[in-house]
Amino acid sequence: MDGGRPVAGVFINYRRKDVPAVAGVLYDHLVKRFGEDQVFRDCASMQAGEDYPTALREGLERATILIAVIGPKWLRLTDENGVRLLDRPKDWVRQEIARALARGITVIPVLVEGAERLPYADLPQRYPAAGPPAVGARRPCRTDE
């Protein structure tokens, strides 16, 4: 623990409106394997009353791997105005992935519940200039095969 917070090697990125239960199960399995201090998942790793944006940023800064849990609705979810969440600059999922890529952190997409591989053309174009984001470029891990 670092100041009461986990020193996470793995950061779990997910959409609450897509597959939060899968992110929870993944967290539980990773904690059993690596220990609670090596895995960061927002609601499980934060203290009550802790500043959400600060805790997320600090968790991501300590990570060496980001696991993006991608369910069937991940790419299509919209806000109350019909704007795709991933297209909003302040979308947490987008920000976390972009920050991980900018830092050179390995991003591992995990496709669950029948999610299909994400076409690069459907992803936001504001990722770092280092190349296509890992979400579209790497072979994803499937949990449902």
Protein backbone atom coordinates (compact mmCIF):
# COMPACT_ATOMS: atom_id res chain seq x y z
CA MET A 1 0.00 0.00 0.00
CA ASP A 2 1.14 3.52 -0.81
CA GLY A 3 -0.42 6.09 1.51
CA GLY A 4 -3.38 3.78 2.10
CA ARG A 5 -3.96 3.20 -1.63
CA PRO A 6 -3.01 0.15 -3.67
CA VAL A 7 0.19 0.31 -5.73
CA ALA A 8 -1.52 -1.16 -8.76
CA GLY A 9 0.26 -2.84 -11.64
CA VAL A 10 -3.05 -3.57 -13.39
CA PHE A 11 -5.70 -0.89 -14.02
CA ILE A 12 -9.17 -2.16 -14.99
CA ASN A 13 -10.97 0.12 -17.45
CA TYR A 14 -14.66 -0.56 -18.12
CA ARG A 15 -18.04 1.05 -18.77
CA ARG A 16 -20.53 0.84 -15.92
CA LYS A 17 -23.41 0.81 -18.43
CA ASP A 18 -21.87 -2.06 -20.37
CA VAL A 19 -20.35 -4.87 -18.31
CA PRO A 20 -19.69 -3.82 -14.70
CA ALA A 21 -20.23 -7.34 -13.34
CA VAL A 22 -17.55 -8.75 -15.64
CA ALA A 23 -15.12 -6.05 -14.46
CA GLY A 24 -15.90 -7.09 -10.88
CA VAL A 25 -15.28 -10.77 -11.56
CA LEU A 26 -12.05 -9.93 -13.40
CA TYR A 27 -10.94 -7.80 -10.45
CA ASP A 28 -11.64 -10.65 -8.01
CA HIS A 29 -9.61 -13.13 -10.08
CA LEU A 30 -6.69 -10.74 -10.54
CA VAL A 31 -6.63 -9.94 -6.82
CA LYS A 32 -6.50 -13.66 -6.00
CA ARG A 33 -3.59 -14.09 -8.40
CA PHE A 34 -1.56 -10.89 -7.82
CA GLY A 35 -2.86 -9.37 -4.58
CA GLU A 36 -5.12 -6.42 -3.85
CA ASP A 37 -2.24 -3.95 -3.93
CA GLN A 38 -1.50 -4.81 -7.57
CA VAL A 39 -4.97 -4.28 -9.09
CA PHE A 40 -6.92 -1.02 -9.43
CA ARG A 41 -10.66 -0.90 -10.10
CA ASP A 42 -12.38 2.35 -9.25
CA CYS A 43 -15.03 1.39 -6.71
CA ALA A 44 -13.01 -1.46 -5.20
CA SER A 45 -9.71 0.41 -4.83
CA MET A 46 -10.87 3.83 -3.65
CA GLN A 47 -11.54 4.97 -0.11
CA ALA A 48 -14.97 6.35 0.87
CA GLY A 49 -15.09 10.08 0.19
CA GLU A 50 -11.92 10.05 -1.91
CA ASP A 51 -11.81 12.47 -4.85
CA TYR A 52 -12.81 10.33 -7.85
CA PRO A 53 -10.81 12.07 -10.62
CA THR A 54 -7.67 12.27 -8.49
CA ALA A 55 -7.88 8.64 -7.40
CA LEU A 56 -8.39 7.45 -10.99
CA ARG A 57 -5.44 9.47 -12.27
CA GLU A 58 -3.19 8.25 -9.46
CA GLY A 59 -4.26 4.64 -10.01
CA LEU A 60 -3.48 4.92 -13.70
CA GLU A 61 -0.11 6.59 -13.03
CA ARG A 62 0.94 3.58 -10.93
CA ALA A 63 -0.24 1.03 -13.51
CA THR A 64 1.93 -0.88 -15.94
CA ILE A 65 -1.00 -2.57 -17.70
CA LEU A 66 -4.49 -1.33 -18.53
CA ILE A 67 -7.13 -3.96 -19.18
CA ALA A 68 -10.00 -2.51 -21.23
CA VAL A 69 -13.10 -4.63 -20.59
CA ILE A 70 -15.19 -4.27 -23.74
CA GLY A 71 -18.74 -5.52 -23.86
CA PRO A 72 -21.23 -5.49 -26.73
CA LYS A 73 -22.46 -1.93 -25.97
CA TRP A 74 -19.01 -0.37 -25.30
CA LEU A 75 -18.71 1.39 -28.64
CA ARG A 76 -22.41 2.33 -29.07
CA LEU A 77 -23.38 3.80 -25.70
CA THR A 78 -24.58 7.40 -25.89
CA ASP A 79 -25.31 10.21 -23.46
CA GLU A 80 -28.70 11.89 -22.96
CA ASN A 81 -28.12 14.00 -26.11
CA GLY A 82 -27.37 11.01 -28.33
CA VAL A 83 -23.62 11.70 -28.43
CA ARG A 84 -21.53 8.54 -28.37
CA LEU A 85 -19.74 8.38 -25.01
CA LEU A 86 -16.41 7.48 -26.60
CA ASP A 87 -16.58 10.65 -28.71
CA ARG A 88 -16.85 12.92 -25.67
CA PRO A 89 -13.42 14.34 -24.75
CA LYS A 90 -14.26 14.07 -21.02
CA ASP A 91 -15.35 10.42 -21.20
CA TRP A 92 -13.44 8.58 -18.47
CA VAL A 93 -12.97 5.40 -20.50
CA ARG A 94 -11.55 7.40 -23.39
CA GLN A 95 -9.31 9.48 -21.13
CA GLU A 96 -7.91 6.45 -19.31
CA ILE A 97 -7.06 4.60 -22.52
CA ALA A 98 -5.56 7.70 -24.15
CA ARG A 99 -3.44 8.38 -21.05
CA ALA A 100 -2.24 4.78 -20.90
CA LEU A 101 -1.25 4.88 -24.57
CA ALA A 102 0.51 8.23 -24.12
CA ARG A 103 2.52 6.76 -21.23
CA GLY A 104 3.40 3.63 -23.18
CA ILE A 105 1.41 1.37 -20.86
CA THR A 106 0.35 -1.94 -22.37
CA VAL A 107 -3.37 -1.83 -23.17
CA ILE A 108 -5.06 -5.22 -23.32
CA PRO A 109 -8.58 -5.29 -24.77
CA VAL A 110 -10.72 -8.05 -23.27
CA LEU A 111 -13.84 -8.72 -25.34
CA VAL A 112 -16.71 -10.14 -23.31
CA GLU A 113 -20.32 -11.20 -23.79
CA GLY A 114 -20.04 -11.46 -27.56
CA ALA A 115 -18.33 -8.12 -28.20
CA GLU A 116 -16.67 -7.88 -31.60
CA ARG A 117 -13.21 -6.54 -32.35
CA LEU A 118 -13.34 -2.76 -32.58
CA PRO A 119 -12.71 -1.29 -36.04
CA TYR A 120 -9.98 1.35 -35.86
CA ALA A 121 -12.14 3.72 -37.93
CA ASP A 122 -14.80 3.68 -35.17
CA LEU A 123 -12.38 4.83 -32.45
CA PRO A 124 -11.67 8.48 -31.59
CA GLN A 125 -8.92 9.98 -33.75
CA ARG A 126 -7.24 11.86 -30.91
CA TYR A 127 -5.00 9.10 -29.62
CA PRO A 128 -1.23 9.66 -29.37
CA ALA A 129 0.74 9.90 -32.59
CA ALA A 130 2.67 6.75 -31.69
CA GLY A 131 0.36 4.73 -33.90
CA PRO A 132 -3.06 3.14 -33.75
CA PRO A 133 -4.44 2.49 -30.29
CA ALA A 134 -3.88 -0.95 -28.89
CA VAL A 135 -7.63 -1.40 -28.63
CA GLY A 136 -7.85 -1.66 -32.40
CA ALA A 137 -4.39 -2.93 -33.16
CA ARG A 138 -3.78 -5.89 -30.87
CA ARG A 139 -5.39 -9.28 -30.84
CA PRO A 140 -8.05 -9.08 -28.15
CA CYS A 141 -8.59 -11.63 -25.43
CA ARG A 142 -11.99 -13.29 -25.54
CA THR A 143 -13.69 -14.65 -22.45
CA ASP A 144 -16.63 -16.23 -24.22
CA GLU A 145 -14.95 -18.66 -26.64
